[in-house]
Amino acid sequence: MKLYFKTINSMSKANTERNKEPQVLYFDTTDREKIIIGLNNKRWEFTSKNQKPQDLVSLIEETLKKEKISLNDIKEIEVNLGPGSFTGLKIGVAVANALGFALDIPVNGGRKLVLPKYKNLSPVATEPCFRRLK
């Protein structure tokens, strides 16, 4: 797999002391051809024709190792909720919820499960299942 790694923007010199500030992990899996991972104000874009959102966990791990940050240093998770690639949204939201639960940290500012925002949902798809069974 050929992976292209590109830093989108970098932190200022004042923010280089990573351990003194709470770390916010951000990721965006809404695009089929790229994954964006961020820590506070720094963002990385991973692109490849073979890159899949299923590689998100390994890309997060790789990014944290490069920045010398452990999962325990993460104090909040932000995930892009969409709209976008259906599979990408499901994987991004599932990883965010799993990490938030395991680390006991908020996801998108809250402690509830986060749900993706799919576009073009019919009213039948959004109404509770028990109503459709009547």
N, C-alpha and C. Protein backbone atom coordinates (compact mmCIF):
# COMPACT_ATOMS: atom_id res chain seq x y z
N MET A 1 0.85 -1.16 0.00
CA MET A 1 0.00 0.00 0.00
C MET A 1 0.90 1.23 0.00
N LYS A 2 0.66 2.13 -0.91
CA LYS A 2 1.42 3.36 -0.99
C LYS A 2 0.66 4.44 -0.24
N LEU A 3 1.31 5.02 0.75
CA LEU A 3 0.66 5.98 1.63
C LEU A 3 1.37 7.32 1.51
N TYR A 4 0.60 8.37 1.32
CA TYR A 4 1.16 9.70 1.25
C TYR A 4 0.81 10.44 2.52
N PHE A 5 1.82 10.98 3.17
CA PHE A 5 1.67 11.66 4.45
C PHE A 5 1.97 13.13 4.24
N LYS A 6 1.07 14.00 4.61
CA LYS A 6 1.26 15.43 4.40
C LYS A 6 0.77 16.18 5.63
N THR A 7 1.61 17.05 6.16
CA THR A 7 1.19 17.90 7.26
C THR A 7 0.42 19.07 6.69
N ILE A 8 -0.81 19.27 7.14
CA ILE A 8 -1.66 20.33 6.61
C ILE A 8 -1.28 21.67 7.23
N ASN A 9 -1.20 21.73 8.54
CA ASN A 9 -0.73 22.96 9.19
C ASN A 9 -0.02 22.55 10.46
N SER A 10 0.81 23.42 10.97
CA SER A 10 1.58 23.04 12.15
C SER A 10 1.29 23.99 13.31
N MET A 11 1.67 23.52 14.47
CA MET A 11 1.42 24.28 15.69
C MET A 11 2.45 25.41 15.81
N SER A 12 2.10 26.44 16.54
CA SER A 12 3.05 27.51 16.79
C SER A 12 4.09 27.04 17.80
N LYS A 13 5.19 27.77 17.91
CA LYS A 13 6.25 27.39 18.84
C LYS A 13 5.75 27.39 20.28
N ALA A 14 4.79 28.24 20.59
CA ALA A 14 4.25 28.29 21.94
C ALA A 14 3.51 27.02 22.32
N ASN A 15 3.03 26.27 21.33
CA ASN A 15 2.27 25.05 21.61
C ASN A 15 3.10 23.79 21.48
N THR A 16 4.40 23.90 21.40
CA THR A 16 5.21 22.70 21.19
C THR A 16 5.36 21.84 22.43
N GLU A 17 5.10 22.37 23.60
CA GLU A 17 5.16 21.55 24.80
C GLU A 17 3.86 20.80 24.93
N ARG A 18 3.82 19.61 24.37
CA ARG A 18 2.58 18.85 24.24
C ARG A 18 2.00 18.38 25.57
N ASN A 19 2.86 18.00 26.50
CA ASN A 19 2.37 17.39 27.73
C ASN A 19 1.71 18.39 28.67
N LYS A 20 1.94 19.70 28.47
CA LYS A 20 1.37 20.68 29.38
C LYS A 20 -0.04 21.08 29.01
N GLU A 21 -0.46 20.79 27.81
CA GLU A 21 -1.82 21.16 27.40
C GLU A 21 -2.63 19.89 27.11
N PRO A 22 -3.93 19.94 27.36
CA PRO A 22 -4.76 18.76 27.05
C PRO A 22 -4.78 18.50 25.55
N GLN A 23 -4.66 17.25 25.18
CA GLN A 23 -4.63 16.86 23.77
C GLN A 23 -6.03 16.53 23.28
N VAL A 24 -6.40 17.11 22.14
CA VAL A 24 -7.67 16.82 21.50
C VAL A 24 -7.36 16.07 20.22
N LEU A 25 -7.87 14.85 20.11
CA LEU A 25 -7.67 14.03 18.92
C LEU A 25 -8.84 14.27 17.98
N TYR A 26 -8.52 14.60 16.73
CA TYR A 26 -9.54 14.86 15.71
C TYR A 26 -9.31 13.92 14.54
N PHE A 27 -10.38 13.38 13.97
CA PHE A 27 -10.24 12.66 12.71
C PHE A 27 -11.47 12.81 11.85
N ASP A 28 -11.20 12.74 10.54
CA ASP A 28 -12.23 12.94 9.52
C ASP A 28 -12.09 11.83 8.50
N THR A 29 -13.11 10.98 8.42
CA THR A 29 -13.10 9.85 7.47
C THR A 29 -14.22 10.00 6.45
N THR A 30 -14.69 11.22 6.23
CA THR A 30 -15.83 11.42 5.33
C THR A 30 -15.47 11.32 3.86
N ASP A 31 -14.20 11.50 3.52
CA ASP A 31 -13.75 11.44 2.13
C ASP A 31 -13.24 10.04 1.81
N ARG A 32 -13.60 9.52 0.67
CA ARG A 32 -13.18 8.16 0.28
C ARG A 32 -11.70 8.05 -0.01
N GLU A 33 -11.04 9.14 -0.35
CA GLU A 33 -9.65 9.08 -0.78
C GLU A 33 -8.65 9.63 0.23
N LYS A 34 -9.13 10.14 1.35
CA LYS A 34 -8.18 10.65 2.34
C LYS A 34 -8.76 10.55 3.74
N ILE A 35 -7.85 10.50 4.69
CA ILE A 35 -8.19 10.52 6.10
C ILE A 35 -7.40 11.67 6.71
N ILE A 36 -8.07 12.49 7.51
CA ILE A 36 -7.40 13.59 8.19
C ILE A 36 -7.39 13.29 9.68
N ILE A 37 -6.20 13.37 10.28
CA ILE A 37 -6.05 13.14 11.71
C ILE A 37 -5.40 14.40 12.28
N GLY A 38 -5.88 14.82 13.44
CA GLY A 38 -5.32 16.01 14.06
C GLY A 38 -5.12 15.87 15.55
N LEU A 39 -4.16 16.63 16.03
CA LEU A 39 -3.93 16.78 17.46
C LEU A 39 -3.88 18.27 17.74
N ASN A 40 -4.83 18.77 18.50
CA ASN A 40 -4.98 20.20 18.77
C ASN A 40 -4.98 20.98 17.46
N ASN A 41 -3.99 21.82 17.20
CA ASN A 41 -3.99 22.66 16.00
C ASN A 41 -3.21 22.05 14.84
N LYS A 42 -2.70 20.87 14.97
CA LYS A 42 -1.89 20.24 13.94
C LYS A 42 -2.73 19.18 13.22
N ARG A 43 -2.68 19.18 11.89
CA ARG A 43 -3.46 18.23 11.09
C ARG A 43 -2.56 17.50 10.11
N TRP A 44 -2.87 16.21 9.88
CA TRP A 44 -2.17 15.40 8.89
C TRP A 44 -3.19 14.81 7.95
N GLU A 45 -2.85 14.76 6.70
CA GLU A 45 -3.73 14.19 5.68
C GLU A 45 -3.06 12.95 5.11
N PHE A 46 -3.75 11.83 5.19
CA PHE A 46 -3.26 10.58 4.63
C PHE A 46 -4.07 10.28 3.38
N THR A 47 -3.39 10.19 2.25
CA THR A 47 -4.09 9.91 1.00
C THR A 47 -3.41 8.76 0.27
N SER A 48 -4.22 7.98 -0.40
CA SER A 48 -3.74 6.89 -1.23
C SER A 48 -4.92 6.33 -1.99
N LYS A 49 -4.65 5.79 -3.15
CA LYS A 49 -5.74 5.17 -3.91
C LYS A 49 -6.23 3.91 -3.20
N ASN A 50 -5.36 3.30 -2.42
CA ASN A 50 -5.74 2.08 -1.70
C ASN A 50 -6.09 2.35 -0.25
N GLN A 51 -5.97 3.59 0.20
CA GLN A 51 -6.23 3.92 1.60
C GLN A 51 -7.72 3.76 1.92
N LYS A 52 -7.99 3.10 2.98
CA LYS A 52 -9.37 2.85 3.39
C LYS A 52 -9.60 3.37 4.80
N PRO A 53 -10.82 3.77 5.12
CA PRO A 53 -11.11 4.21 6.48
C PRO A 53 -10.84 3.10 7.52
N GLN A 54 -10.83 1.85 7.08
CA GLN A 54 -10.57 0.75 8.00
C GLN A 54 -9.17 0.84 8.61
N ASP A 55 -8.28 1.61 8.00
CA ASP A 55 -6.92 1.78 8.51
C ASP A 55 -6.83 2.89 9.55
N LEU A 56 -7.94 3.44 9.96
CA LEU A 56 -7.96 4.60 10.86
C LEU A 56 -7.21 4.33 12.16
N VAL A 57 -7.43 3.20 12.79
CA VAL A 57 -6.81 2.92 14.08
C VAL A 57 -5.29 2.86 13.95
N SER A 58 -4.80 2.21 12.90
CA SER A 58 -3.35 2.15 12.73
C SER A 58 -2.76 3.52 12.40
N LEU A 59 -3.50 4.36 11.65
CA LEU A 59 -3.03 5.70 11.35
C LEU A 59 -3.01 6.58 12.60
N ILE A 60 -4.01 6.42 13.48
CA ILE A 60 -4.01 7.16 14.75
C ILE A 60 -2.81 6.74 15.58
N GLU A 61 -2.58 5.44 15.67
CA GLU A 61 -1.45 4.93 16.44
C GLU A 61 -0.13 5.45 15.90
N GLU A 62 0.03 5.44 14.59
CA GLU A 62 1.24 5.94 13.94
C GLU A 62 1.45 7.43 14.22
N THR A 63 0.39 8.20 14.14
CA THR A 63 0.48 9.64 14.39
C THR A 63 0.84 9.92 15.84
N LEU A 64 0.23 9.22 16.77
CA LEU A 64 0.53 9.42 18.19
C LEU A 64 1.99 9.07 18.49
N LYS A 65 2.50 8.00 17.88
CA LYS A 65 3.91 7.63 18.08
C LYS A 65 4.85 8.69 17.54
N LYS A 66 4.54 9.23 16.37
CA LYS A 66 5.39 10.29 15.78
C LYS A 66 5.42 11.53 16.65
N GLU A 67 4.32 11.84 17.29
CA GLU A 67 4.23 13.02 18.14
C GLU A 67 4.60 12.72 19.61
N LYS A 68 4.95 11.47 19.90
CA LYS A 68 5.34 11.04 21.24
C LYS A 68 4.26 11.33 22.27
N ILE A 69 3.03 10.95 21.90
CA ILE A 69 1.87 11.13 22.76
C ILE A 69 1.22 9.77 22.97
N SER A 70 0.81 9.47 24.20
CA SER A 70 0.12 8.21 24.46
C SER A 70 -1.40 8.45 24.43
N LEU A 71 -2.14 7.38 24.34
CA LEU A 71 -3.60 7.50 24.36
C LEU A 71 -4.09 8.13 25.66
N ASN A 72 -3.37 7.89 26.74
CA ASN A 72 -3.77 8.45 28.04
C ASN A 72 -3.64 9.97 28.09
N ASP A 73 -2.86 10.56 27.16
CA ASP A 73 -2.72 12.02 27.10
C ASP A 73 -3.91 12.68 26.41
N ILE A 74 -4.71 11.90 25.70
CA ILE A 74 -5.86 12.44 24.98
C ILE A 74 -6.96 12.75 25.99
N LYS A 75 -7.49 13.97 25.93
CA LYS A 75 -8.53 14.39 26.88
C LYS A 75 -9.89 14.57 26.23
N GLU A 76 -9.92 14.59 24.89
CA GLU A 76 -11.19 14.73 24.17
C GLU A 76 -11.00 14.23 22.74
N ILE A 77 -12.09 13.75 22.15
CA ILE A 77 -12.06 13.29 20.77
C ILE A 77 -13.09 14.07 19.98
N GLU A 78 -12.68 14.54 18.82
CA GLU A 78 -13.59 15.21 17.88
C GLU A 78 -13.60 14.41 16.59
N VAL A 79 -14.78 14.12 16.08
CA VAL A 79 -14.90 13.37 14.84
C VAL A 79 -15.87 14.12 13.92
N ASN A 80 -15.56 14.15 12.63
CA ASN A 80 -16.45 14.77 11.65
C ASN A 80 -17.64 13.84 11.46
N LEU A 81 -18.85 14.36 11.67
CA LEU A 81 -20.06 13.54 11.60
C LEU A 81 -20.69 13.48 10.22
N GLY A 82 -20.15 14.19 9.26
CA GLY A 82 -20.68 14.08 7.91
C GLY A 82 -21.38 15.33 7.46
N PRO A 83 -21.99 15.24 6.31
CA PRO A 83 -22.19 14.06 5.46
C PRO A 83 -20.91 13.67 4.74
N GLY A 84 -20.95 12.46 4.19
CA GLY A 84 -19.78 11.94 3.49
C GLY A 84 -19.96 10.48 3.17
N SER A 85 -18.85 9.81 2.99
CA SER A 85 -18.84 8.38 2.67
C SER A 85 -19.53 7.59 3.78
N PHE A 86 -20.50 6.76 3.40
CA PHE A 86 -21.27 5.99 4.38
C PHE A 86 -20.35 5.11 5.23
N THR A 87 -19.49 4.33 4.58
CA THR A 87 -18.58 3.44 5.30
C THR A 87 -17.60 4.24 6.15
N GLY A 88 -17.08 5.32 5.58
CA GLY A 88 -16.15 6.15 6.32
C GLY A 88 -16.76 6.75 7.57
N LEU A 89 -18.00 7.22 7.46
CA LEU A 89 -18.69 7.78 8.62
C LEU A 89 -18.90 6.73 9.70
N LYS A 90 -19.35 5.55 9.29
CA LYS A 90 -19.59 4.49 10.29
C LYS A 90 -18.30 4.14 11.03
N ILE A 91 -17.21 4.01 10.30
CA ILE A 91 -15.94 3.63 10.93
C ILE A 91 -15.43 4.75 11.83
N GLY A 92 -15.47 5.99 11.34
CA GLY A 92 -15.00 7.12 12.14
C GLY A 92 -15.77 7.28 13.43
N VAL A 93 -17.09 7.19 13.35
CA VAL A 93 -17.93 7.35 14.53
C VAL A 93 -17.74 6.16 15.49
N ALA A 94 -17.63 4.96 14.95
CA ALA A 94 -17.43 3.78 15.81
C ALA A 94 -16.09 3.86 16.55
N VAL A 95 -15.03 4.26 15.87
CA VAL A 95 -13.72 4.39 16.52
C VAL A 95 -13.76 5.49 17.58
N ALA A 96 -14.39 6.62 17.25
CA ALA A 96 -14.50 7.72 18.23
C ALA A 96 -15.26 7.27 19.47
N ASN A 97 -16.39 6.61 19.28
CA ASN A 97 -17.18 6.14 20.43
C ASN A 97 -16.42 5.10 21.24
N ALA A 98 -15.73 4.19 20.58
CA ALA A 98 -14.98 3.15 21.29
C ALA A 98 -13.84 3.75 22.09
N LEU A 99 -13.07 4.67 21.48
CA LEU A 99 -11.98 5.31 22.22
C LEU A 99 -12.52 6.16 23.36
N GLY A 100 -13.59 6.89 23.12
CA GLY A 100 -14.18 7.70 24.18
C GLY A 100 -14.64 6.87 25.35
N PHE A 101 -15.26 5.73 25.06
CA PHE A 101 -15.72 4.83 26.12
C PHE A 101 -14.54 4.22 26.87
N ALA A 102 -13.55 3.72 26.12
CA ALA A 102 -12.40 3.04 26.73
C ALA A 102 -11.56 3.99 27.58
N LEU A 103 -11.40 5.23 27.11
CA LEU A 103 -10.57 6.20 27.83
C LEU A 103 -11.37 7.06 28.79
N ASP A 104 -12.70 6.91 28.79
CA ASP A 104 -13.61 7.69 29.63
C ASP A 104 -13.41 9.19 29.40
N ILE A 105 -13.45 9.58 28.11
CA ILE A 105 -13.30 10.98 27.72
C ILE A 105 -14.46 11.36 26.80
N PRO A 106 -14.78 12.66 26.71
CA PRO A 106 -15.90 13.09 25.86
C PRO A 106 -15.58 12.97 24.37
N VAL A 107 -16.62 12.67 23.61
CA VAL A 107 -16.55 12.63 22.15
C VAL A 107 -17.45 13.75 21.64
N ASN A 108 -16.90 14.65 20.86
CA ASN A 108 -17.62 15.83 20.34
C ASN A 108 -18.29 16.61 21.47
N GLY A 109 -17.60 16.71 22.59
CA GLY A 109 -18.07 17.54 23.69
C GLY A 109 -19.02 16.89 24.67
N GLY A 110 -19.42 15.65 24.46
CA GLY A 110 -20.35 14.99 25.37
C GLY A 110 -19.95 13.57 25.68
N ARG A 111 -20.65 12.97 26.62
CA ARG A 111 -20.35 11.59 27.01
C ARG A 111 -21.37 10.60 26.46
N LYS A 112 -22.30 11.09 25.62
CA LYS A 112 -23.26 10.19 24.98
C LYS A 112 -22.67 9.62 23.70
N LEU A 113 -23.30 8.57 23.20
CA LEU A 113 -22.86 8.03 21.91
C LEU A 113 -23.11 9.06 20.82
N VAL A 114 -22.17 9.19 19.92
CA VAL A 114 -22.29 10.11 18.80
C VAL A 114 -22.78 9.32 17.60
N LEU A 115 -23.72 9.89 16.84
CA LEU A 115 -24.26 9.23 15.65
C LEU A 115 -23.91 10.02 14.41
N PRO A 116 -23.62 9.34 13.31
CA PRO A 116 -23.30 10.05 12.07
C PRO A 116 -24.52 10.75 11.49
N LYS A 117 -24.28 11.77 10.70
CA LYS A 117 -25.35 12.50 10.02
C LYS A 117 -25.35 12.07 8.56
N TYR A 118 -26.23 11.16 8.22
CA TYR A 118 -26.33 10.69 6.85
C TYR A 118 -27.22 11.63 6.05
N LYS A 119 -26.87 11.84 4.80
CA LYS A 119 -27.73 12.68 3.97
C LYS A 119 -28.76 11.81 3.26
N ASN A 120 -29.87 12.40 2.88
CA ASN A 120 -30.93 11.76 2.10
C ASN A 120 -31.58 10.58 2.81
N LEU A 121 -31.79 10.67 4.13
CA LEU A 121 -32.51 9.62 4.84
C LEU A 121 -34.01 9.85 4.69
N SER A 122 -34.73 8.80 4.42
CA SER A 122 -36.18 8.92 4.33
C SER A 122 -36.76 8.98 5.75
N PRO A 123 -37.96 9.51 5.92
CA PRO A 123 -38.57 9.55 7.25
C PRO A 123 -38.74 8.15 7.85
N VAL A 124 -38.94 7.15 7.01
CA VAL A 124 -39.11 5.78 7.51
C VAL A 124 -37.83 5.30 8.17
N ALA A 125 -36.68 5.68 7.63
CA ALA A 125 -35.40 5.23 8.19
C ALA A 125 -35.10 5.88 9.52
N THR A 126 -35.70 7.03 9.80
CA THR A 126 -35.38 7.72 11.04
C THR A 126 -36.42 7.53 12.15
N GLU A 127 -37.56 6.96 11.84
CA GLU A 127 -38.56 6.74 12.90
C GLU A 127 -38.25 5.45 13.64
N PRO A 128 -38.61 5.38 14.93
CA PRO A 128 -38.30 4.19 15.71
C PRO A 128 -38.90 2.92 15.10
N CYS A 129 -38.18 1.82 15.26
CA CYS A 129 -38.58 0.55 14.67
C CYS A 129 -39.94 0.08 15.18
N PHE A 130 -40.23 0.29 16.46
CA PHE A 130 -41.47 -0.24 17.01
C PHE A 130 -42.70 0.41 16.36
N ARG A 131 -42.60 1.63 15.89
CA ARG A 131 -43.73 2.27 15.22
C ARG A 131 -44.01 1.62 13.87
N ARG A 132 -42.97 1.17 13.18
CA ARG A 132 -43.16 0.56 11.88
C ARG A 132 -43.79 -0.83 12.00
N LEU A 133 -43.65 -1.46 13.15
CA LEU A 133 -44.16 -2.82 13.32
C LEU A 133 -45.66 -2.85 13.60
N LYS A 134 -46.26 -1.75 13.94
CA LYS A 134 -47.69 -1.72 14.27
C LYS A 134 -48.55 -1.94 13.07
